[in-house]
Each structure stands twice: as C-alpha cells, then as structure tokens.
Amino acid sequence: MKKNSIAAVIFLLTAVAFLSYAVPATAKKSSEKIFSGRIIYITDNYVELKKGKTEVIVHFTDNTKYISMGRKHVTKNFLNVCQYVEAYYTDGIKKFLNKIIVKKESDCIK
C-alpha cells in the first residue's frame, strides 16, 4: 500500500514538472505592439513605416482593419505614401498588421 502511494506521488510530481516546462514553450503568444510613423512604401502584401531612423515592415492579413482619421473603416486602397499612421501589429518572425489608423493625411509634394 505504501509503495503505491509513493509511486502515485512520484508520478504526479513528474507530470507537474513535465507540464510546467512543456506548456509555456508551446503556448507562447506573440504580443501586440504599436508603431507610429510615416508610410514610406506600400505593396499588396506589406507597408513600410518610418519614424526617425527606425523602419518597420508590417504585413497585411485578411483580418487587417484600416481606419481613417474620422474613425471610419476603409479599405487598404485608402493608404498613401507620407501618411502618418499608428500601426498595431503582432510581433513574431514576421510582423502581421492587426489594425492601422491614419492620424494625418499625406503632406508630400505631388
């Protein structure tokens, strides 16, 4: 009887130790970050933003939300070079754009 109790305790401690290492490694979530800057380049797949010396490329997804200065939902075609935007993205191997809000219209000379 005592051997069964000791075996059960050892099994439970082993299971808890295994799960404490295995779960965080597989369930690691990417965190959402925010970058404010100017659009310097746009393609069908991504937008490149710059603020000071820092440049960030964020990739569009099917779930990306585009919001104008008036807080209206718009399409990707609304984005233009030189607009000042606030980009909410998920950081990982690639940066995926969750939401982009236009804060200031383009002031580039055309």
PDB file of N, CA and C in Angstrom:
ATOM      1  N   MET A   1       0.824  -1.186   0.000  1.00  0.00           N
ATOM      2  CA  MET A   1       0.000   0.000   0.000  1.00  0.00           C
ATOM      3  C   MET A   1       0.871   1.255   0.000  1.00  0.00           C
ATOM      4  N   LYS A   2       1.930   1.216   0.824  1.00  0.00           N
ATOM      5  CA  LYS A   2       2.832   2.354   0.915  1.00  0.00           C
ATOM      6  C   LYS A   2       3.581   2.567  -0.403  1.00  0.00           C
ATOM      7  N   LYS A   3       3.939   1.465  -1.091  1.00  0.00           N
ATOM      8  CA  LYS A   3       4.631   1.564  -2.366  1.00  0.00           C
ATOM      9  C   LYS A   3       3.745   2.214  -3.413  1.00  0.00           C
ATOM     10  N   ASN A   4       2.444   1.899  -3.408  1.00  0.00           N
ATOM     11  CA  ASN A   4       1.503   2.501  -4.356  1.00  0.00           C
ATOM     12  C   ASN A   4       1.370   4.001  -4.123  1.00  0.00           C
ATOM     13  N   SER A   5       1.344   4.423  -2.867  1.00  0.00           N
ATOM     14  CA  SER A   5       1.238   5.849  -2.532  1.00  0.00           C
ATOM     15  C   SER A   5       2.479   6.606  -2.988  1.00  0.00           C
ATOM     16  N   ILE A   6       3.639   6.025  -2.743  1.00  0.00           N
ATOM     17  CA  ILE A   6       4.899   6.663  -3.154  1.00  0.00           C
ATOM     18  C   ILE A   6       4.973   6.739  -4.679  1.00  0.00           C
ATOM     19  N   ALA A   7       4.570   5.691  -5.353  1.00  0.00           N
ATOM     20  CA  ALA A   7       4.579   5.676  -6.819  1.00  0.00           C
ATOM     21  C   ALA A   7       3.623   6.726  -7.377  1.00  0.00           C
ATOM     22  N   ALA A   8       2.453   6.877  -6.750  1.00  0.00           N
ATOM     23  CA  ALA A   8       1.479   7.875  -7.203  1.00  0.00           C
ATOM     24  C   ALA A   8       2.023   9.295  -7.021  1.00  0.00           C
ATOM     25  N   VAL A   9       2.668   9.553  -5.899  1.00  0.00           N
ATOM     26  CA  VAL A   9       3.252  10.874  -5.633  1.00  0.00           C
ATOM     27  C   VAL A   9       4.361  11.178  -6.641  1.00  0.00           C
ATOM     28  N   ILE A  10       5.217  10.196  -6.886  1.00  0.00           N
ATOM     29  CA  ILE A  10       6.311  10.392  -7.853  1.00  0.00           C
ATOM     30  C   ILE A  10       5.744  10.654  -9.244  1.00  0.00           C
ATOM     31  N   PHE A  11       4.707   9.912  -9.616  1.00  0.00           N
ATOM     32  CA  PHE A  11       4.069  10.111 -10.926  1.00  0.00           C
ATOM     33  C   PHE A  11       3.487  11.519 -11.046  1.00  0.00           C
ATOM     34  N   LEU A  12       2.778  11.973 -10.035  1.00  0.00           N
ATOM     35  CA  LEU A  12       2.177  13.311 -10.059  1.00  0.00           C
ATOM     36  C   LEU A  12       3.240  14.406 -10.133  1.00  0.00           C
ATOM     37  N   LEU A  13       4.307  14.258  -9.347  1.00  0.00           N
ATOM     38  CA  LEU A  13       5.370  15.266  -9.385  1.00  0.00           C
ATOM     39  C   LEU A  13       6.055  15.297 -10.751  1.00  0.00           C
ATOM     40  N   THR A  14       6.247  14.138 -11.350  1.00  0.00           N
ATOM     41  CA  THR A  14       6.848  14.068 -12.679  1.00  0.00           C
ATOM     42  C   THR A  14       5.935  14.721 -13.717  1.00  0.00           C
ATOM     43  N   ALA A  15       4.638  14.454 -13.627  1.00  0.00           N
ATOM     44  CA  ALA A  15       3.676  15.039 -14.566  1.00  0.00           C
ATOM     45  C   ALA A  15       3.632  16.557 -14.431  1.00  0.00           C
ATOM     46  N   VAL A  16       3.612  17.058 -13.217  1.00  0.00           N
ATOM     47  CA  VAL A  16       3.586  18.508 -12.993  1.00  0.00           C
ATOM     48  C   VAL A  16       4.861  19.156 -13.514  1.00  0.00           C
ATOM     49  N   ALA A  17       5.994  18.545 -13.257  1.00  0.00           N
ATOM     50  CA  ALA A  17       7.266  19.091 -13.737  1.00  0.00           C
ATOM     51  C   ALA A  17       7.301  19.114 -15.262  1.00  0.00           C
ATOM     52  N   PHE A  18       6.828  18.044 -15.893  1.00  0.00           N
ATOM     53  CA  PHE A  18       6.812  17.982 -17.353  1.00  0.00           C
ATOM     54  C   PHE A  18       5.901  19.058 -17.933  1.00  0.00           C
ATOM     55  N   LEU A  19       4.700  19.198 -17.382  1.00  0.00           N
ATOM     56  CA  LEU A  19       3.748  20.181 -17.904  1.00  0.00           C
ATOM     57  C   LEU A  19       4.221  21.616 -17.688  1.00  0.00           C
ATOM     58  N   SER A  20       4.921  21.869 -16.604  1.00  0.00           N
ATOM     59  CA  SER A  20       5.391  23.234 -16.356  1.00  0.00           C
ATOM     60  C   SER A  20       6.446  23.655 -17.378  1.00  0.00           C
ATOM     61  N   TYR A  21       7.180  22.704 -17.948  1.00  0.00           N
ATOM     62  CA  TYR A  21       8.143  23.027 -18.996  1.00  0.00           C
ATOM     63  C   TYR A  21       7.505  22.983 -20.375  1.00  0.00           C
ATOM     64  N   ALA A  22       6.613  22.049 -20.621  1.00  0.00           N
ATOM     65  CA  ALA A  22       6.056  21.839 -21.959  1.00  0.00           C
ATOM     66  C   ALA A  22       5.037  22.892 -22.332  1.00  0.00           C
ATOM     67  N   VAL A  23       4.163  23.305 -21.443  1.00  0.00           N
ATOM     68  CA  VAL A  23       3.084  24.221 -21.787  1.00  0.00           C
ATOM     69  C   VAL A  23       3.587  25.608 -22.157  1.00  0.00           C
ATOM     70  N   PRO A  24       4.441  26.266 -21.392  1.00  0.00           N
ATOM     71  CA  PRO A  24       4.883  27.599 -21.796  1.00  0.00           C
ATOM     72  C   PRO A  24       5.615  27.622 -23.135  1.00  0.00           C
ATOM     73  N   ALA A  25       6.344  26.599 -23.456  1.00  0.00           N
ATOM     74  CA  ALA A  25       7.092  26.586 -24.709  1.00  0.00           C
ATOM     75  C   ALA A  25       6.168  26.480 -25.907  1.00  0.00           C
ATOM     76  N   THR A  26       5.080  25.734 -25.806  1.00  0.00           N
ATOM     77  CA  THR A  26       4.179  25.554 -26.937  1.00  0.00           C
ATOM     78  C   THR A  26       3.080  26.604 -26.971  1.00  0.00           C
ATOM     79  N   ALA A  27       2.748  27.194 -25.849  1.00  0.00           N
ATOM     80  CA  ALA A  27       1.640  28.143 -25.806  1.00  0.00           C
ATOM     81  C   ALA A  27       2.118  29.588 -25.788  1.00  0.00           C
ATOM     82  N   LYS A  28       3.335  29.823 -26.198  1.00  0.00           N
ATOM     83  CA  LYS A  28       3.876  31.175 -26.190  1.00  0.00           C
ATOM     84  C   LYS A  28       3.104  32.051 -27.181  1.00  0.00           C
ATOM     85  N   LYS A  29       2.562  33.146 -26.678  1.00  0.00           N
ATOM     86  CA  LYS A  29       1.783  34.037 -27.522  1.00  0.00           C
ATOM     87  C   LYS A  29       2.642  35.209 -27.985  1.00  0.00           C
ATOM     88  N   SER A  30       2.380  35.648 -29.191  1.00  0.00           N
ATOM     89  CA  SER A  30       3.038  36.844 -29.673  1.00  0.00           C
ATOM     90  C   SER A  30       2.308  38.046 -29.081  1.00  0.00           C
ATOM     91  N   SER A  31       3.040  39.077 -28.771  1.00  0.00           N
ATOM     92  CA  SER A  31       2.416  40.242 -28.174  1.00  0.00           C
ATOM     93  C   SER A  31       2.143  41.302 -29.238  1.00  0.00           C
ATOM     94  N   GLU A  32       1.079  42.065 -29.024  1.00  0.00           N
ATOM     95  CA  GLU A  32       0.758  43.147 -29.950  1.00  0.00           C
ATOM     96  C   GLU A  32       1.597  44.366 -29.601  1.00  0.00           C
ATOM     97  N   LYS A  33       2.131  44.981 -30.615  1.00  0.00           N
ATOM     98  CA  LYS A  33       2.942  46.181 -30.438  1.00  0.00           C
ATOM     99  C   LYS A  33       2.340  47.303 -31.272  1.00  0.00           C
ATOM    100  N   ILE A  34       2.770  48.533 -30.963  1.00  0.00           N
ATOM    101  CA  ILE A  34       2.290  49.716 -31.682  1.00  0.00           C
ATOM    102  C   ILE A  34       3.485  50.470 -32.230  1.00  0.00           C
ATOM    103  N   PHE A  35       3.380  50.912 -33.483  1.00  0.00           N
ATOM    104  CA  PHE A  35       4.418  51.739 -34.085  1.00  0.00           C
ATOM    105  C   PHE A  35       3.733  52.911 -34.770  1.00  0.00           C
ATOM    106  N   SER A  36       4.161  54.112 -34.450  1.00  0.00           N
ATOM    107  CA  SER A  36       3.649  55.323 -35.094  1.00  0.00           C
ATOM    108  C   SER A  36       4.722  55.885 -35.999  1.00  0.00           C
ATOM    109  N   GLY A  37       4.352  56.179 -37.235  1.00  0.00           N
ATOM    110  CA  GLY A  37       5.315  56.724 -38.177  1.00  0.00           C
ATOM    111  C   GLY A  37       4.684  57.009 -39.522  1.00  0.00           C
ATOM    112  N   ARG A  38       5.522  57.380 -40.479  1.00  0.00           N
ATOM    113  CA  ARG A  38       5.059  57.697 -41.837  1.00  0.00           C
ATOM    114  C   ARG A  38       5.151  56.469 -42.728  1.00  0.00           C
ATOM    115  N   ILE A  39       4.202  56.376 -43.633  1.00  0.00           N
ATOM    116  CA  ILE A  39       4.264  55.333 -44.655  1.00  0.00           C
ATOM    117  C   ILE A  39       5.296  55.779 -45.685  1.00  0.00           C
ATOM    118  N   ILE A  40       6.283  54.911 -45.933  1.00  0.00           N
ATOM    119  CA  ILE A  40       7.291  55.253 -46.943  1.00  0.00           C
ATOM    120  C   ILE A  40       7.214  54.341 -48.168  1.00  0.00           C
ATOM    121  N   TYR A  41       6.495  53.202 -48.028  1.00  0.00           N
ATOM    122  CA  TYR A  41       6.375  52.289 -49.160  1.00  0.00           C
ATOM    123  C   TYR A  41       5.193  51.358 -48.926  1.00  0.00           C
ATOM    124  N   ILE A  42       4.434  51.096 -49.982  1.00  0.00           N
ATOM    125  CA  ILE A  42       3.275  50.203 -49.874  1.00  0.00           C
ATOM    126  C   ILE A  42       3.304  49.211 -51.028  1.00  0.00           C
ATOM    127  N   THR A  43       3.011  47.943 -50.721  1.00  0.00           N
ATOM    128  CA  THR A  43       2.800  46.916 -51.746  1.00  0.00           C
ATOM    129  C   THR A  43       1.454  46.251 -51.451  1.00  0.00           C
ATOM    130  N   ASP A  44       1.116  45.243 -52.234  1.00  0.00           N
ATOM    131  CA  ASP A  44      -0.108  44.483 -51.965  1.00  0.00           C
ATOM    132  C   ASP A  44       0.022  43.635 -50.707  1.00  0.00           C
ATOM    133  N   ASN A  45       1.252  43.335 -50.299  1.00  0.00           N
ATOM    134  CA  ASN A  45       1.479  42.428 -49.178  1.00  0.00           C
ATOM    135  C   ASN A  45       1.895  43.103 -47.875  1.00  0.00           C
ATOM    136  N   TYR A  46       2.526  44.259 -47.973  1.00  0.00           N
ATOM    137  CA  TYR A  46       3.020  44.900 -46.752  1.00  0.00           C
ATOM    138  C   TYR A  46       3.105  46.416 -46.921  1.00  0.00           C
ATOM    139  N   VAL A  47       3.310  47.077 -45.785  1.00  0.00           N
ATOM    140  CA  VAL A  47       3.543  48.520 -45.752  1.00  0.00           C
ATOM    141  C   VAL A  47       4.815  48.754 -44.943  1.00  0.00           C
ATOM    142  N   GLU A  48       5.631  49.691 -45.413  1.00  0.00           N
ATOM    143  CA  GLU A  48       6.862  50.031 -44.708  1.00  0.00           C
ATOM    144  C   GLU A  48       6.677  51.389 -44.047  1.00  0.00           C
ATOM    145  N   LEU A  49       6.978  51.446 -42.747  1.00  0.00           N
ATOM    146  CA  LEU A  49       6.802  52.660 -41.946  1.00  0.00           C
ATOM    147  C   LEU A  49       8.147  53.135 -41.433  1.00  0.00           C
ATOM    148  N   LYS A  50       8.243  54.454 -41.215  1.00  0.00           N
ATOM    149  CA  LYS A  50       9.496  55.012 -40.715  1.00  0.00           C
ATOM    150  C   LYS A  50       9.206  56.133 -39.725  1.00  0.00           C
ATOM    151  N   LYS A  51      10.001  56.130 -38.645  1.00  0.00           N
ATOM    152  CA  LYS A  51       9.988  57.226 -37.694  1.00  0.00           C
ATOM    153  C   LYS A  51      11.420  57.422 -37.251  1.00  0.00           C
ATOM    154  N   GLY A  52      11.987  58.577 -37.559  1.00  0.00           N
ATOM    155  CA  GLY A  52      13.395  58.813 -37.268  1.00  0.00           C
ATOM    156  C   GLY A  52      14.248  57.867 -38.083  1.00  0.00           C
ATOM    157  N   LYS A  53      15.139  57.158 -37.422  1.00  0.00           N
ATOM    158  CA  LYS A  53      15.996  56.190 -38.111  1.00  0.00           C
ATOM    159  C   LYS A  53      15.393  54.782 -38.121  1.00  0.00           C
ATOM    160  N   THR A  54      14.277  54.590 -37.429  1.00  0.00           N
ATOM    161  CA  THR A  54      13.674  53.259 -37.309  1.00  0.00           C
ATOM    162  C   THR A  54      12.684  53.007 -38.446  1.00  0.00           C
ATOM    163  N   GLU A  55      12.864  51.872 -39.110  1.00  0.00           N
ATOM    164  CA  GLU A  55      11.947  51.445 -40.168  1.00  0.00           C
ATOM    165  C   GLU A  55      11.359  50.096 -39.788  1.00  0.00           C
ATOM    166  N   VAL A  56      10.059  49.932 -40.066  1.00  0.00           N
ATOM    167  CA  VAL A  56       9.363  48.697 -39.739  1.00  0.00           C
ATOM    168  C   VAL A  56       8.536  48.275 -40.947  1.00  0.00           C
ATOM    169  N   ILE A  57       8.598  46.992 -41.278  1.00  0.00           N
ATOM    170  CA  ILE A  57       7.744  46.430 -42.327  1.00  0.00           C
ATOM    171  C   ILE A  57       6.708  45.564 -41.642  1.00  0.00           C
ATOM    172  N   VAL A  58       5.423  45.852 -41.918  1.00  0.00           N
ATOM    173  CA  VAL A  58       4.329  45.055 -41.368  1.00  0.00           C
ATOM    174  C   VAL A  58       3.505  44.498 -42.522  1.00  0.00           C
ATOM    175  N   HIS A  59       3.141  43.229 -42.402  1.00  0.00           N
ATOM    176  CA  HIS A  59       2.451  42.517 -43.472  1.00  0.00           C
ATOM    177  C   HIS A  59       0.937  42.535 -43.262  1.00  0.00           C
ATOM    178  N   PHE A  60       0.201  42.782 -44.343  1.00  0.00           N
ATOM    179  CA  PHE A  60      -1.251  42.765 -44.294  1.00  0.00           C
ATOM    180  C   PHE A  60      -1.754  41.337 -44.129  1.00  0.00           C
ATOM    181  N   THR A  61      -2.909  41.184 -43.494  1.00  0.00           N
ATOM    182  CA  THR A  61      -3.605  39.902 -43.417  1.00  0.00           C
ATOM    183  C   THR A  61      -5.037  40.117 -43.883  1.00  0.00           C
ATOM    184  N   ASP A  62      -5.791  39.049 -43.991  1.00  0.00           N
ATOM    185  CA  ASP A  62      -7.206  39.171 -44.350  1.00  0.00           C
ATOM    186  C   ASP A  62      -8.001  39.847 -43.241  1.00  0.00           C
ATOM    187  N   ASN A  63      -7.478  39.848 -42.025  1.00  0.00           N
ATOM    188  CA  ASN A  63      -8.177  40.436 -40.878  1.00  0.00           C
ATOM    189  C   ASN A  63      -7.711  41.845 -40.531  1.00  0.00           C
ATOM    190  N   THR A  64      -6.797  42.406 -41.302  1.00  0.00           N
ATOM    191  CA  THR A  64      -6.306  43.756 -41.020  1.00  0.00           C
ATOM    192  C   THR A  64      -7.442  44.758 -41.134  1.00  0.00           C
ATOM    193  N   LYS A  65      -7.531  45.661 -40.146  1.00  0.00           N
ATOM    194  CA  LYS A  65      -8.549  46.715 -40.154  1.00  0.00           C
ATOM    195  C   LYS A  65      -7.876  48.026 -40.530  1.00  0.00           C
ATOM    196  N   TYR A  66      -8.507  48.768 -41.428  1.00  0.00           N
ATOM    197  CA  TYR A  66      -8.000  50.050 -41.903  1.00  0.00           C
ATOM    198  C   TYR A  66      -8.973  51.117 -41.427  1.00  0.00           C
ATOM    199  N   ILE A  67      -8.449  52.118 -40.714  1.00  0.00           N
ATOM    200  CA  ILE A  67      -9.312  53.135 -40.122  1.00  0.00           C
ATOM    201  C   ILE A  67      -8.806  54.512 -40.524  1.00  0.00           C
ATOM    202  N   SER A  68      -9.744  55.355 -41.006  1.00  0.00           N
ATOM    203  CA  SER A  68      -9.389  56.709 -41.436  1.00  0.00           C
ATOM    204  C   SER A  68      -9.323  57.644 -40.235  1.00  0.00           C
ATOM    205  N   MET A  69      -8.961  58.903 -40.511  1.00  0.00           N
ATOM    206  CA  MET A  69      -8.869  59.893 -39.439  1.00  0.00           C
ATOM    207  C   MET A  69     -10.223  60.112 -38.772  1.00  0.00           C
ATOM    208  N   GLY A  70     -11.303  59.982 -39.517  1.00  0.00           N
ATOM    209  CA  GLY A  70     -12.645  60.158 -38.970  1.00  0.00           C
ATOM    210  C   GLY A  70     -13.181  58.910 -38.292  1.00  0.00           C
ATOM    211  N   ARG A  71     -12.297  57.944 -38.021  1.00  0.00           N
ATOM    212  CA  ARG A  71     -12.635  56.680 -37.360  1.00  0.00           C
ATOM    213  C   ARG A  71     -13.597  55.818 -38.182  1.00  0.00           C
ATOM    214  N   LYS A  72     -13.580  56.004 -39.499  1.00  0.00           N
ATOM    215  CA  LYS A  72     -14.392  55.170 -40.378  1.00  0.00           C
ATOM    216  C   LYS A  72     -13.538  54.022 -40.890  1.00  0.00           C
ATOM    217  N   HIS A  73     -14.173  52.866 -41.043  1.00  0.00           N
ATOM    218  CA  HIS A  73     -13.461  51.721 -41.616  1.00  0.00           C
ATOM    219  C   HIS A  73     -13.364  51.918 -43.122  1.00  0.00           C
ATOM    220  N   VAL A  74     -12.150  51.757 -43.639  1.00  0.00           N
ATOM    221  CA  VAL A  74     -11.891  51.941 -45.063  1.00  0.00           C
ATOM    222  C   VAL A  74     -11.141  50.715 -45.584  1.00  0.00           C
ATOM    223  N   THR A  75     -10.778  50.746 -46.865  1.00  0.00           N
ATOM    224  CA  THR A  75     -10.025  49.630 -47.445  1.00  0.00           C
ATOM    225  C   THR A  75      -8.540  49.980 -47.499  1.00  0.00           C
ATOM    226  N   LYS A  76      -7.742  49.004 -47.871  1.00  0.00           N
ATOM    227  CA  LYS A  76      -6.294  49.187 -47.985  1.00  0.00           C
ATOM    228  C   LYS A  76      -5.957  50.274 -49.007  1.00  0.00           C
ATOM    229  N   ASN A  77      -6.794  50.439 -50.019  1.00  0.00           N
ATOM    230  CA  ASN A  77      -6.543  51.442 -51.059  1.00  0.00           C
ATOM    231  C   ASN A  77      -6.541  52.867 -50.513  1.00  0.00           C
ATOM    232  N   PHE A  78      -7.043  53.069 -49.314  1.00  0.00           N
ATOM    233  CA  PHE A  78      -7.069  54.391 -48.688  1.00  0.00           C
ATOM    234  C   PHE A  78      -5.668  54.829 -48.251  1.00  0.00           C
ATOM    235  N   LEU A  79      -4.763  53.887 -48.055  1.00  0.00           N
ATOM    236  CA  LEU A  79      -3.415  54.202 -47.576  1.00  0.00           C
ATOM    237  C   LEU A  79      -2.580  54.830 -48.680  1.00  0.00           C
ATOM    238  N   ASN A  80      -1.812  55.860 -48.330  1.00  0.00           N
ATOM    239  CA  ASN A  80      -0.930  56.547 -49.266  1.00  0.00           C
ATOM    240  C   ASN A  80       0.425  56.810 -48.630  1.00  0.00           C
ATOM    241  N   VAL A  81       1.428  56.956 -49.472  1.00  0.00           N
ATOM    242  CA  VAL A  81       2.762  57.316 -49.012  1.00  0.00           C
ATOM    243  C   VAL A  81       2.699  58.678 -48.329  1.00  0.00           C
ATOM    244  N   CYS A  82       3.467  58.818 -47.261  1.00  0.00           N
ATOM    245  CA  CYS A  82       3.605  60.035 -46.452  1.00  0.00           C
ATOM    246  C   CYS A  82       2.492  60.240 -45.424  1.00  0.00           C
ATOM    247  N   GLN A  83       1.497  59.365 -45.387  1.00  0.00           N
ATOM    248  CA  GLN A  83       0.502  59.486 -44.332  1.00  0.00           C
ATOM    249  C   GLN A  83       1.167  59.112 -43.005  1.00  0.00           C
ATOM    250  N   TYR A  84       0.784  59.805 -41.943  1.00  0.00           N
ATOM    251  CA  TYR A  84       1.256  59.468 -40.610  1.00  0.00           C
ATOM    252  C   TYR A  84       0.238  58.507 -40.015  1.00  0.00           C
ATOM    253  N   VAL A  85       0.686  57.327 -39.595  1.00  0.00           N
ATOM    254  CA  VAL A  85      -0.228  56.288 -39.134  1.00  0.00           C
ATOM    255  C   VAL A  85       0.217  55.702 -37.802  1.00  0.00           C
ATOM    256  N   GLU A  86      -0.701  55.004 -37.186  1.00  0.00           N
ATOM    257  CA  GLU A  86      -0.421  54.227 -35.982  1.00  0.00           C
ATOM    258  C   GLU A  86      -0.746  52.779 -36.330  1.00  0.00           C
ATOM    259  N   ALA A  87       0.254  51.914 -36.292  1.00  0.00           N
ATOM    260  CA  ALA A  87       0.094  50.523 -36.691  1.00  0.00           C
ATOM    261  C   ALA A  87       0.119  49.615 -35.470  1.00  0.00           C
ATOM    262  N   TYR A  88      -0.888  48.788 -35.346  1.00  0.00           N
ATOM    263  CA  TYR A  88      -0.960  47.773 -34.292  1.00  0.00           C
ATOM    264  C   TYR A  88      -0.641  46.445 -34.955  1.00  0.00           C
ATOM    265  N   TYR A  89       0.424  45.797 -34.508  1.00  0.00           N
ATOM    266  CA  TYR A  89       0.847  44.573 -35.177  1.00  0.00           C
ATOM    267  C   TYR A  89       1.243  43.504 -34.169  1.00  0.00           C
ATOM    268  N   THR A  90       1.202  42.269 -34.637  1.00  0.00           N
ATOM    269  CA  THR A  90       1.629  41.126 -33.836  1.00  0.00           C
ATOM    270  C   THR A  90       3.069  40.838 -34.202  1.00  0.00           C
ATOM    271  N   ASP A  91       3.923  40.853 -33.197  1.00  0.00           N
ATOM    272  CA  ASP A  91       5.348  40.662 -33.419  1.00  0.00           C
ATOM    273  C   ASP A  91       5.681  39.183 -33.380  1.00  0.00           C
ATOM    274  N   GLY A  92       6.483  38.759 -34.311  1.00  0.00           N
ATOM    275  CA  GLY A  92       6.925  37.383 -34.391  1.00  0.00           C
ATOM    276  C   GLY A  92       8.030  37.315 -35.424  1.00  0.00           C
ATOM    277  N   ILE A  93       8.165  36.192 -36.112  1.00  0.00           N
ATOM    278  CA  ILE A  93       9.151  36.085 -37.177  1.00  0.00           C
ATOM    279  C   ILE A  93       8.830  37.119 -38.250  1.00  0.00           C
ATOM    280  N   LYS A  94       7.541  37.235 -38.583  1.00  0.00           N
ATOM    281  CA  LYS A  94       7.043  38.305 -39.456  1.00  0.00           C
ATOM    282  C   LYS A  94       6.122  39.167 -38.615  1.00  0.00           C
ATOM    283  N   LYS A  95       6.056  40.432 -38.932  1.00  0.00           N
ATOM    284  CA  LYS A  95       5.154  41.332 -38.223  1.00  0.00           C
ATOM    285  C   LYS A  95       3.846  41.402 -39.015  1.00  0.00           C
ATOM    286  N   PHE A  96       2.736  40.971 -38.400  1.00  0.00           N
ATOM    287  CA  PHE A  96       1.440  40.967 -39.066  1.00  0.00           C
ATOM    288  C   PHE A  96       0.581  42.105 -38.545  1.00  0.00           C
ATOM    289  N   LEU A  97       0.064  42.911 -39.474  1.00  0.00           N
ATOM    290  CA  LEU A  97      -0.703  44.105 -39.150  1.00  0.00           C
ATOM    291  C   LEU A  97      -2.115  43.735 -38.720  1.00  0.00           C
ATOM    292  N   ASN A  98      -2.490  44.111 -37.498  1.00  0.00           N
ATOM    293  CA  ASN A  98      -3.844  43.892 -36.997  1.00  0.00           C
ATOM    294  C   ASN A  98      -4.748  45.059 -37.358  1.00  0.00           C
ATOM    295  N   LYS A  99      -4.210  46.279 -37.160  1.00  0.00           N
ATOM    296  CA  LYS A  99      -5.016  47.477 -37.383  1.00  0.00           C
ATOM    297  C   LYS A  99      -4.077  48.619 -37.721  1.00  0.00           C
ATOM    298  N   ILE A 100      -4.515  49.484 -38.645  1.00  0.00           N
ATOM    299  CA  ILE A 100      -3.731  50.674 -38.974  1.00  0.00           C
ATOM    300  C   ILE A 100      -4.690  51.866 -38.992  1.00  0.00           C
ATOM    301  N   ILE A 101      -4.317  52.900 -38.253  1.00  0.00           N
ATOM    302  CA  ILE A 101      -5.151  54.097 -38.134  1.00  0.00           C
ATOM    303  C   ILE A 101      -4.392  55.271 -38.740  1.00  0.00           C
ATOM    304  N   VAL A 102      -5.026  55.950 -39.687  1.00  0.00           N
ATOM    305  CA  VAL A 102      -4.427  57.142 -40.290  1.00  0.00           C
ATOM    306  C   VAL A 102      -4.616  58.297 -39.315  1.00  0.00           C
ATOM    307  N   LYS A 103      -3.508  58.895 -38.896  1.00  0.00           N
ATOM    308  CA  LYS A 103      -3.537  60.013 -37.947  1.00  0.00           C
ATOM    309  C   LYS A 103      -3.416  61.368 -38.645  1.00  0.00           C
ATOM    310  N   LYS A 104      -2.728  61.385 -39.804  1.00  0.00           N
ATOM    311  CA  LYS A 104      -2.524  62.640 -40.531  1.00  0.00           C
ATOM    312  C   LYS A 104      -2.408  62.306 -42.007  1.00  0.00           C
ATOM    313  N   GLU A 105      -3.077  63.091 -42.831  1.00  0.00           N
ATOM    314  CA  GLU A 105      -3.026  62.865 -44.280  1.00  0.00           C
ATOM    315  C   GLU A 105      -1.635  63.145 -44.836  1.00  0.00           C
ATOM    316  N   SER A 106      -1.402  62.661 -46.014  1.00  0.00           N
ATOM    317  CA  SER A 106      -0.113  62.836 -46.690  1.00  0.00           C
ATOM    318  C   SER A 106       0.153  64.322 -46.941  1.00  0.00           C
ATOM    319  N   ASP A 107       1.396  64.730 -46.689  1.00  0.00           N
ATOM    320  CA  ASP A 107       1.777  66.107 -46.967  1.00  0.00           C
ATOM    321  C   ASP A 107       2.956  66.146 -47.933  1.00  0.00           C
ATOM    322  N   CYS A 108       3.139  65.051 -48.674  1.00  0.00           N
ATOM    323  CA  CYS A 108       4.209  65.008 -49.685  1.00  0.00           C
ATOM    324  C   CYS A 108       3.795  65.834 -50.893  1.00  0.00           C
ATOM    325  N   ILE A 109       4.767  66.428 -51.549  1.00  0.00           N
ATOM    326  CA  ILE A 109       4.505  67.212 -52.749  1.00  0.00           C
ATOM    327  C   ILE A 109       4.306  66.236 -53.911  1.00  0.00           C
ATOM    328  N   LYS A 110       3.229  66.432 -54.633  1.00  0.00           N
ATOM    329  CA  LYS A 110       2.923  65.532 -55.750  1.00  0.00           C
ATOM    330  C   LYS A 110       3.251  66.179 -57.064  1.00  0.00           C
TER     331      LYS A 110
END
